[in-house]
């Protein structure tokens, strides 16, 4: 396996060709359609990369207290809130988060950068609309992971702690 990926996106129709391409290229991919489920999985699963869509619709239920409509601007910034929470929890410290967006406005990009996202890790879906371009971006990010023989902590450990 080349890497484990958690993809947070509700547009399964759009991402399906990309997910299939990743799997054909020996990546393990789990797709969730809401931020709360992503957080839940990250407490018990080890991943090499988290891919976050900016606009993730809100779901009622367990996560509605954390991901409420006011904080997420009615779902328009749910991905930003998820990223901030992962940073606060120490789960995005080594930069293994790729943010994909259909939004091309500079404001949302700037908000992610201010929250600590590396500039190269925010891309529009237009920029990586071709599967080979997307695969290259994912490979580049996963290759950057720390050497397991070093003392660097992995992005997410089995128990959810760094």
N, C-alpha and C. Protein backbone atom coordinates (compact mmCIF):
# COMPACT_ATOMS: atom_id res chain seq x y z
N UNK A 1 0.84 -1.18 0.00
CA UNK A 1 0.00 0.00 0.00
C UNK A 1 0.89 1.25 0.00
N UNK A 2 0.52 2.22 -0.82
CA UNK A 2 1.29 3.46 -0.92
C UNK A 2 0.91 4.48 0.13
N UNK A 3 -0.29 4.35 0.72
CA UNK A 3 -0.72 5.30 1.74
C UNK A 3 -2.19 5.17 2.03
N UNK A 4 -2.56 5.58 3.23
CA UNK A 4 -3.97 5.57 3.64
C UNK A 4 -4.49 7.00 3.61
N UNK A 5 -5.68 7.16 3.03
CA UNK A 5 -6.26 8.48 2.83
C UNK A 5 -7.67 8.50 3.39
N UNK A 6 -7.98 9.56 4.13
CA UNK A 6 -9.35 9.83 4.55
C UNK A 6 -9.81 11.03 3.76
N UNK A 7 -10.90 10.87 3.00
CA UNK A 7 -11.41 11.93 2.15
C UNK A 7 -12.76 12.38 2.69
N UNK A 8 -12.86 13.67 3.01
CA UNK A 8 -14.09 14.24 3.56
C UNK A 8 -14.74 15.09 2.47
N UNK A 9 -15.78 14.53 1.86
CA UNK A 9 -16.44 15.20 0.74
C UNK A 9 -17.81 14.57 0.56
N UNK A 10 -18.81 15.37 0.34
CA UNK A 10 -20.16 14.84 0.17
C UNK A 10 -20.53 14.60 -1.29
N UNK A 11 -19.69 15.02 -2.22
CA UNK A 11 -20.00 14.90 -3.65
C UNK A 11 -19.39 13.61 -4.20
N UNK A 12 -20.01 12.50 -3.85
CA UNK A 12 -19.47 11.19 -4.22
C UNK A 12 -19.40 11.02 -5.74
N UNK A 13 -20.35 11.58 -6.46
CA UNK A 13 -20.33 11.48 -7.92
C UNK A 13 -19.10 12.13 -8.53
N UNK A 14 -18.72 13.29 -8.00
CA UNK A 14 -17.54 13.99 -8.51
C UNK A 14 -16.25 13.25 -8.16
N UNK A 15 -16.15 12.79 -6.92
CA UNK A 15 -14.87 12.22 -6.48
C UNK A 15 -14.67 10.76 -6.87
N UNK A 16 -15.73 10.09 -7.31
CA UNK A 16 -15.63 8.66 -7.62
C UNK A 16 -14.48 8.31 -8.56
N UNK A 17 -14.29 9.00 -9.69
CA UNK A 17 -13.16 8.63 -10.56
C UNK A 17 -11.80 8.80 -9.88
N UNK A 18 -11.70 9.79 -9.01
CA UNK A 18 -10.45 10.03 -8.30
C UNK A 18 -10.20 8.95 -7.25
N UNK A 19 -11.25 8.58 -6.54
CA UNK A 19 -11.14 7.53 -5.53
C UNK A 19 -10.75 6.21 -6.20
N UNK A 20 -11.40 5.89 -7.31
CA UNK A 20 -11.09 4.65 -8.03
C UNK A 20 -9.65 4.67 -8.53
N UNK A 21 -9.19 5.80 -9.02
CA UNK A 21 -7.81 5.91 -9.50
C UNK A 21 -6.82 5.72 -8.35
N UNK A 22 -7.13 6.31 -7.21
CA UNK A 22 -6.26 6.12 -6.04
C UNK A 22 -6.19 4.65 -5.66
N UNK A 23 -7.32 3.99 -5.63
CA UNK A 23 -7.34 2.57 -5.26
C UNK A 23 -6.60 1.72 -6.28
N UNK A 24 -6.73 2.03 -7.56
CA UNK A 24 -5.98 1.30 -8.60
C UNK A 24 -4.48 1.50 -8.44
N UNK A 25 -4.10 2.63 -7.86
CA UNK A 25 -2.69 2.94 -7.65
C UNK A 25 -2.23 2.57 -6.24
N UNK A 26 -2.93 1.65 -5.62
CA UNK A 26 -2.53 1.04 -4.36
C UNK A 26 -2.62 1.97 -3.15
N UNK A 27 -3.57 2.93 -3.17
CA UNK A 27 -3.86 3.72 -1.99
C UNK A 27 -5.11 3.14 -1.34
N UNK A 28 -5.13 3.14 -0.02
CA UNK A 28 -6.34 2.77 0.71
C UNK A 28 -7.12 4.07 0.94
N UNK A 29 -8.38 4.11 0.52
CA UNK A 29 -9.17 5.34 0.62
C UNK A 29 -10.47 5.07 1.35
N UNK A 30 -10.74 5.89 2.35
CA UNK A 30 -12.02 5.87 3.05
C UNK A 30 -12.66 7.24 2.80
N UNK A 31 -13.92 7.23 2.38
CA UNK A 31 -14.64 8.47 2.12
C UNK A 31 -15.72 8.64 3.16
N UNK A 32 -15.76 9.81 3.78
CA UNK A 32 -16.85 10.17 4.69
C UNK A 32 -17.48 11.46 4.18
N UNK A 33 -18.76 11.64 4.48
CA UNK A 33 -19.45 12.80 3.94
C UNK A 33 -19.73 13.90 4.95
N UNK A 34 -19.11 13.80 6.14
CA UNK A 34 -19.29 14.88 7.11
C UNK A 34 -18.08 14.98 8.03
N UNK A 35 -17.91 16.17 8.59
CA UNK A 35 -16.73 16.46 9.40
C UNK A 35 -16.73 15.67 10.70
N UNK A 36 -17.88 15.50 11.31
CA UNK A 36 -17.94 14.78 12.58
C UNK A 36 -17.47 13.34 12.40
N UNK A 37 -17.89 12.69 11.34
CA UNK A 37 -17.46 11.31 11.07
C UNK A 37 -15.96 11.27 10.81
N UNK A 38 -15.44 12.28 10.14
CA UNK A 38 -13.99 12.35 9.91
C UNK A 38 -13.24 12.40 11.24
N UNK A 39 -13.68 13.26 12.12
CA UNK A 39 -13.03 13.35 13.43
C UNK A 39 -13.12 12.03 14.19
N UNK A 40 -14.27 11.41 14.14
CA UNK A 40 -14.46 10.14 14.84
C UNK A 40 -13.49 9.09 14.31
N UNK A 41 -13.37 8.99 13.00
CA UNK A 41 -12.45 8.01 12.40
C UNK A 41 -11.00 8.31 12.74
N UNK A 42 -10.65 9.56 12.78
CA UNK A 42 -9.26 9.93 13.04
C UNK A 42 -8.83 9.64 14.47
N UNK A 43 -9.75 9.37 15.35
CA UNK A 43 -9.37 8.98 16.71
C UNK A 43 -9.01 7.51 16.78
N UNK A 44 -9.37 6.74 15.75
CA UNK A 44 -9.12 5.30 15.82
C UNK A 44 -8.37 4.73 14.61
N UNK A 45 -8.13 5.54 13.60
CA UNK A 45 -7.46 5.04 12.39
C UNK A 45 -6.24 5.88 12.08
N UNK A 46 -5.24 5.24 11.51
CA UNK A 46 -4.03 5.92 11.08
C UNK A 46 -4.15 6.23 9.60
N UNK A 47 -3.90 7.48 9.24
CA UNK A 47 -3.92 7.87 7.83
C UNK A 47 -2.66 8.67 7.50
N UNK A 48 -2.32 8.67 6.23
CA UNK A 48 -1.17 9.43 5.75
C UNK A 48 -1.57 10.79 5.19
N UNK A 49 -2.85 10.92 4.82
CA UNK A 49 -3.33 12.15 4.21
C UNK A 49 -4.82 12.29 4.47
N UNK A 50 -5.24 13.51 4.79
CA UNK A 50 -6.65 13.84 4.89
C UNK A 50 -6.95 14.82 3.77
N UNK A 51 -7.97 14.51 2.98
CA UNK A 51 -8.42 15.41 1.92
C UNK A 51 -9.74 16.00 2.39
N UNK A 52 -9.81 17.32 2.42
CA UNK A 52 -11.00 18.01 2.93
C UNK A 52 -11.60 18.90 1.85
N UNK A 53 -12.89 18.74 1.63
CA UNK A 53 -13.64 19.69 0.80
C UNK A 53 -13.98 20.89 1.67
N UNK A 54 -14.06 22.06 1.10
CA UNK A 54 -14.38 23.26 1.88
C UNK A 54 -15.85 23.26 2.28
N UNK A 55 -16.72 22.97 1.33
CA UNK A 55 -18.16 23.04 1.57
C UNK A 55 -18.72 21.65 1.80
N UNK A 56 -18.95 21.34 3.06
CA UNK A 56 -19.50 20.04 3.44
C UNK A 56 -20.84 20.33 4.12
N UNK A 57 -21.93 19.81 3.59
CA UNK A 57 -23.22 20.09 4.23
C UNK A 57 -23.25 19.62 5.68
N UNK A 58 -24.05 20.31 6.45
CA UNK A 58 -24.20 19.95 7.86
C UNK A 58 -25.15 18.78 8.00
N UNK A 59 -24.88 17.95 8.96
CA UNK A 59 -25.75 16.82 9.27
C UNK A 59 -26.29 17.03 10.66
N UNK A 60 -27.53 16.67 10.85
CA UNK A 60 -28.07 16.76 12.20
C UNK A 60 -27.54 15.56 12.99
N UNK A 61 -27.65 15.65 14.28
CA UNK A 61 -27.20 14.52 15.10
C UNK A 61 -25.99 14.87 15.93
N UNK A 62 -25.14 13.84 16.13
CA UNK A 62 -24.00 13.93 17.05
C UNK A 62 -23.15 15.17 16.88
N UNK A 63 -22.74 15.48 15.70
CA UNK A 63 -21.80 16.57 15.48
C UNK A 63 -22.42 17.94 15.38
N UNK A 64 -23.73 18.06 15.49
CA UNK A 64 -24.38 19.35 15.27
C UNK A 64 -23.99 20.40 16.31
N UNK A 65 -23.58 19.98 17.50
CA UNK A 65 -23.14 20.94 18.51
C UNK A 65 -21.78 21.54 18.15
N UNK A 66 -20.92 20.72 17.57
CA UNK A 66 -19.57 21.18 17.19
C UNK A 66 -19.60 21.90 15.85
N UNK A 67 -20.31 21.34 14.90
CA UNK A 67 -20.37 21.91 13.56
C UNK A 67 -21.74 22.55 13.35
N UNK A 68 -21.96 23.65 14.06
CA UNK A 68 -23.27 24.29 13.97
C UNK A 68 -23.32 25.26 12.79
N UNK A 69 -24.52 25.58 12.32
CA UNK A 69 -24.68 26.42 11.12
C UNK A 69 -24.01 27.78 11.21
N UNK A 70 -23.98 28.38 12.38
CA UNK A 70 -23.36 29.70 12.50
C UNK A 70 -21.85 29.64 12.30
N UNK A 71 -21.20 28.67 12.92
CA UNK A 71 -19.75 28.55 12.80
C UNK A 71 -19.31 28.14 11.40
N UNK A 72 -20.13 27.38 10.72
CA UNK A 72 -19.74 26.87 9.40
C UNK A 72 -20.31 27.70 8.26
N UNK A 73 -20.98 28.79 8.62
CA UNK A 73 -21.64 29.64 7.60
C UNK A 73 -22.59 28.79 6.76
N UNK A 74 -23.39 27.98 7.46
CA UNK A 74 -24.41 27.11 6.85
C UNK A 74 -23.79 26.10 5.88
N UNK A 75 -22.62 25.59 6.25
CA UNK A 75 -21.97 24.55 5.46
C UNK A 75 -20.96 25.07 4.46
N UNK A 76 -20.90 26.37 4.25
CA UNK A 76 -19.97 26.92 3.27
C UNK A 76 -18.52 26.85 3.74
N UNK A 77 -18.31 26.71 5.06
CA UNK A 77 -16.95 26.68 5.61
C UNK A 77 -16.74 25.51 6.57
N UNK A 78 -17.50 24.46 6.42
CA UNK A 78 -17.36 23.32 7.33
C UNK A 78 -15.94 22.75 7.26
N UNK A 79 -15.37 22.68 6.07
CA UNK A 79 -14.01 22.18 5.92
C UNK A 79 -12.99 23.02 6.67
N UNK A 80 -13.20 24.33 6.68
CA UNK A 80 -12.31 25.22 7.42
C UNK A 80 -12.39 24.95 8.91
N UNK A 81 -13.60 24.79 9.43
CA UNK A 81 -13.75 24.49 10.85
C UNK A 81 -13.12 23.14 11.19
N UNK A 82 -13.30 22.15 10.33
CA UNK A 82 -12.67 20.84 10.54
C UNK A 82 -11.16 20.99 10.59
N UNK A 83 -10.59 21.72 9.63
CA UNK A 83 -9.14 21.91 9.61
C UNK A 83 -8.67 22.58 10.90
N UNK A 84 -9.37 23.62 11.33
CA UNK A 84 -8.98 24.31 12.57
C UNK A 84 -9.02 23.36 13.76
N UNK A 85 -10.05 22.54 13.83
CA UNK A 85 -10.17 21.58 14.94
C UNK A 85 -9.04 20.56 14.91
N UNK A 86 -8.69 20.08 13.72
CA UNK A 86 -7.59 19.13 13.61
C UNK A 86 -6.28 19.78 14.06
N UNK A 87 -6.08 21.03 13.69
CA UNK A 87 -4.87 21.75 14.13
C UNK A 87 -4.85 21.90 15.65
N UNK A 88 -5.98 22.30 16.22
CA UNK A 88 -6.06 22.47 17.68
C UNK A 88 -5.78 21.17 18.41
N UNK A 89 -6.20 20.06 17.82
CA UNK A 89 -6.02 18.75 18.44
C UNK A 89 -4.64 18.17 18.13
N UNK A 90 -3.83 18.90 17.36
CA UNK A 90 -2.49 18.42 17.02
C UNK A 90 -2.49 17.35 15.96
N UNK A 91 -3.56 17.25 15.20
CA UNK A 91 -3.68 16.19 14.21
C UNK A 91 -3.31 16.63 12.80
N UNK A 92 -2.96 17.87 12.63
CA UNK A 92 -2.57 18.35 11.30
C UNK A 92 -1.23 19.05 11.36
N UNK A 93 -0.44 18.70 12.35
CA UNK A 93 0.81 19.40 12.61
C UNK A 93 1.84 19.24 11.50
N UNK A 94 1.90 18.09 10.87
CA UNK A 94 2.95 17.92 9.85
C UNK A 94 2.44 18.18 8.44
N UNK A 95 1.27 18.80 8.33
CA UNK A 95 0.81 19.29 7.04
C UNK A 95 0.23 18.27 6.10
N UNK A 96 -0.19 17.15 6.57
CA UNK A 96 -0.72 16.13 5.68
C UNK A 96 -2.22 16.30 5.46
N UNK A 97 -2.60 17.53 5.13
CA UNK A 97 -3.99 17.86 4.81
C UNK A 97 -3.99 18.55 3.46
N UNK A 98 -4.82 18.05 2.57
CA UNK A 98 -5.02 18.65 1.25
C UNK A 98 -6.44 19.17 1.22
N UNK A 99 -6.59 20.46 0.94
CA UNK A 99 -7.92 21.06 0.85
C UNK A 99 -8.25 21.24 -0.62
N UNK A 100 -9.40 20.70 -0.99
CA UNK A 100 -9.91 20.84 -2.36
C UNK A 100 -11.16 21.69 -2.32
N UNK A 101 -11.30 22.57 -3.29
CA UNK A 101 -12.48 23.44 -3.29
C UNK A 101 -12.92 23.75 -4.71
N UNK A 102 -14.22 23.88 -4.89
CA UNK A 102 -14.72 24.40 -6.16
C UNK A 102 -14.68 25.92 -6.11
N UNK A 103 -14.54 26.45 -4.90
CA UNK A 103 -14.51 27.90 -4.72
C UNK A 103 -13.15 28.43 -5.17
N UNK A 104 -13.19 29.44 -6.01
CA UNK A 104 -11.93 30.01 -6.49
C UNK A 104 -11.67 31.40 -5.90
N UNK A 105 -12.50 31.78 -4.91
CA UNK A 105 -12.27 33.09 -4.31
C UNK A 105 -11.06 33.05 -3.38
N UNK A 106 -10.31 34.10 -3.40
CA UNK A 106 -9.09 34.19 -2.61
C UNK A 106 -9.37 34.24 -1.11
N UNK A 107 -10.54 34.72 -0.73
CA UNK A 107 -10.87 34.88 0.69
C UNK A 107 -10.83 33.54 1.44
N UNK A 108 -11.44 32.51 0.90
CA UNK A 108 -11.46 31.23 1.60
C UNK A 108 -10.06 30.62 1.66
N UNK A 109 -9.31 30.78 0.59
CA UNK A 109 -7.92 30.30 0.58
C UNK A 109 -7.13 31.00 1.68
N UNK A 110 -7.29 32.31 1.77
CA UNK A 110 -6.57 33.09 2.78
C UNK A 110 -6.95 32.66 4.19
N UNK A 111 -8.21 32.33 4.41
CA UNK A 111 -8.64 31.87 5.73
C UNK A 111 -7.96 30.55 6.11
N UNK A 112 -7.81 29.66 5.15
CA UNK A 112 -7.10 28.40 5.42
C UNK A 112 -5.62 28.67 5.72
N UNK A 113 -5.01 29.57 4.95
CA UNK A 113 -3.59 29.89 5.19
C UNK A 113 -3.41 30.50 6.58
N UNK A 114 -4.31 31.39 6.96
CA UNK A 114 -4.24 32.00 8.29
C UNK A 114 -4.44 30.95 9.40
N UNK A 115 -5.18 29.89 9.08
CA UNK A 115 -5.40 28.81 10.05
C UNK A 115 -4.22 27.85 10.11
N UNK A 116 -3.23 28.03 9.23
CA UNK A 116 -2.02 27.21 9.29
C UNK A 116 -1.81 26.25 8.14
N UNK A 117 -2.66 26.28 7.12
CA UNK A 117 -2.48 25.39 5.98
C UNK A 117 -1.32 25.88 5.11
N UNK A 118 -0.50 24.95 4.65
CA UNK A 118 0.60 25.29 3.73
C UNK A 118 -0.02 25.76 2.41
N UNK A 119 0.51 26.81 1.80
CA UNK A 119 -0.07 27.34 0.55
C UNK A 119 -0.21 26.30 -0.57
N UNK A 120 0.71 25.36 -0.65
CA UNK A 120 0.63 24.34 -1.71
C UNK A 120 -0.43 23.29 -1.44
N UNK A 121 -1.03 23.33 -0.26
CA UNK A 121 -1.99 22.30 0.12
C UNK A 121 -3.44 22.74 -0.04
N UNK A 122 -3.66 23.88 -0.68
CA UNK A 122 -5.00 24.34 -1.04
C UNK A 122 -5.06 24.38 -2.56
N UNK A 123 -5.89 23.56 -3.13
CA UNK A 123 -6.02 23.54 -4.58
C UNK A 123 -7.49 23.54 -4.95
N UNK A 124 -7.77 24.14 -6.10
CA UNK A 124 -9.14 24.10 -6.58
C UNK A 124 -9.35 22.79 -7.34
N UNK A 125 -10.58 22.37 -7.36
CA UNK A 125 -10.90 21.15 -8.10
C UNK A 125 -10.60 21.33 -9.58
N UNK A 126 -10.64 22.57 -10.04
CA UNK A 126 -10.29 22.86 -11.43
C UNK A 126 -8.81 22.58 -11.69
N UNK A 127 -7.95 22.91 -10.72
CA UNK A 127 -6.50 22.70 -10.88
C UNK A 127 -6.13 21.23 -10.99
N UNK A 128 -6.89 20.37 -10.34
CA UNK A 128 -6.56 18.94 -10.36
C UNK A 128 -7.72 18.14 -10.97
N UNK A 129 -8.38 18.73 -11.96
CA UNK A 129 -9.54 18.05 -12.57
C UNK A 129 -9.14 16.83 -13.38
N UNK A 130 -7.90 16.80 -13.83
CA UNK A 130 -7.40 15.62 -14.54
C UNK A 130 -6.85 14.65 -13.51
N UNK A 131 -7.27 13.40 -13.61
CA UNK A 131 -6.86 12.39 -12.65
C UNK A 131 -5.34 12.30 -12.50
N UNK A 132 -4.56 12.32 -13.58
CA UNK A 132 -3.09 12.25 -13.40
C UNK A 132 -2.53 13.41 -12.57
N UNK A 133 -3.09 14.61 -12.74
CA UNK A 133 -2.65 15.76 -11.95
C UNK A 133 -2.97 15.56 -10.47
N UNK A 134 -4.16 15.04 -10.21
CA UNK A 134 -4.57 14.77 -8.84
C UNK A 134 -3.68 13.71 -8.21
N UNK A 135 -3.43 12.61 -8.93
CA UNK A 135 -2.58 11.55 -8.40
C UNK A 135 -1.18 12.06 -8.09
N UNK A 136 -0.67 12.94 -8.94
CA UNK A 136 0.66 13.51 -8.72
C UNK A 136 0.68 14.35 -7.44
N UNK A 137 -0.38 15.13 -7.21
CA UNK A 137 -0.45 15.96 -6.01
C UNK A 137 -0.50 15.08 -4.76
N UNK A 138 -1.31 14.04 -4.79
CA UNK A 138 -1.40 13.13 -3.64
C UNK A 138 -0.06 12.45 -3.39
N UNK A 139 0.56 11.95 -4.43
CA UNK A 139 1.86 11.27 -4.27
C UNK A 139 2.90 12.23 -3.69
N UNK A 140 2.91 13.45 -4.17
CA UNK A 140 3.85 14.46 -3.66
C UNK A 140 3.65 14.67 -2.16
N UNK A 141 2.41 14.75 -1.73
CA UNK A 141 2.14 15.00 -0.31
C UNK A 141 2.46 13.79 0.55
N UNK A 142 2.18 12.61 0.07
CA UNK A 142 2.44 11.41 0.88
C UNK A 142 3.94 11.10 0.91
N UNK A 143 4.64 11.37 -0.16
CA UNK A 143 6.09 11.15 -0.19
C UNK A 143 6.77 12.05 0.83
N UNK A 144 6.21 13.21 1.11
CA UNK A 144 6.79 14.15 2.06
C UNK A 144 6.67 13.69 3.50
N UNK A 145 5.98 12.58 3.74
CA UNK A 145 5.78 12.15 5.13
C UNK A 145 7.13 11.86 5.78
N UNK A 146 7.20 12.03 7.10
CA UNK A 146 8.47 11.81 7.80
C UNK A 146 8.95 10.37 7.66
N UNK A 147 10.25 10.21 7.68
CA UNK A 147 10.86 8.89 7.65
C UNK A 147 10.48 8.14 8.92
N UNK A 148 9.93 6.92 8.81
CA UNK A 148 9.51 6.17 10.00
C UNK A 148 10.65 5.91 10.98
N UNK A 149 11.88 5.92 10.51
CA UNK A 149 13.01 5.67 11.40
C UNK A 149 13.40 6.92 12.19
N UNK A 150 12.82 8.07 11.78
CA UNK A 150 13.13 9.30 12.52
C UNK A 150 12.28 9.36 13.78
N UNK A 151 12.52 10.35 14.59
CA UNK A 151 11.75 10.52 15.82
C UNK A 151 10.48 11.33 15.61
N UNK A 152 10.19 11.71 14.37
CA UNK A 152 8.99 12.50 14.10
C UNK A 152 7.74 11.67 14.33
N UNK A 153 6.75 12.29 14.94
CA UNK A 153 5.49 11.59 15.22
C UNK A 153 4.67 11.49 13.95
N UNK A 154 3.93 10.39 13.78
CA UNK A 154 3.07 10.26 12.62
C UNK A 154 1.91 11.25 12.71
N UNK A 155 1.24 11.48 11.59
CA UNK A 155 0.13 12.42 11.57
C UNK A 155 -0.96 11.99 12.54
N UNK A 156 -1.37 10.75 12.48
CA UNK A 156 -2.42 10.25 13.36
C UNK A 156 -2.01 8.87 13.83
N UNK A 157 -1.98 8.67 15.12
CA UNK A 157 -1.67 7.37 15.66
C UNK A 157 -2.96 6.62 15.92
N UNK A 158 -2.84 5.34 16.16
CA UNK A 158 -4.00 4.48 16.38
C UNK A 158 -4.93 5.00 17.46
N UNK A 159 -4.39 5.54 18.54
CA UNK A 159 -5.26 5.99 19.63
C UNK A 159 -5.68 7.43 19.48
N UNK A 160 -5.33 8.08 18.36
CA UNK A 160 -5.75 9.45 18.11
C UNK A 160 -4.87 10.50 18.74
N UNK A 161 -3.79 10.10 19.38
CA UNK A 161 -2.89 11.06 20.02
C UNK A 161 -1.58 11.11 19.25
N UNK A 162 -0.94 12.27 19.34
CA UNK A 162 0.38 12.39 18.72
C UNK A 162 1.44 11.80 19.60
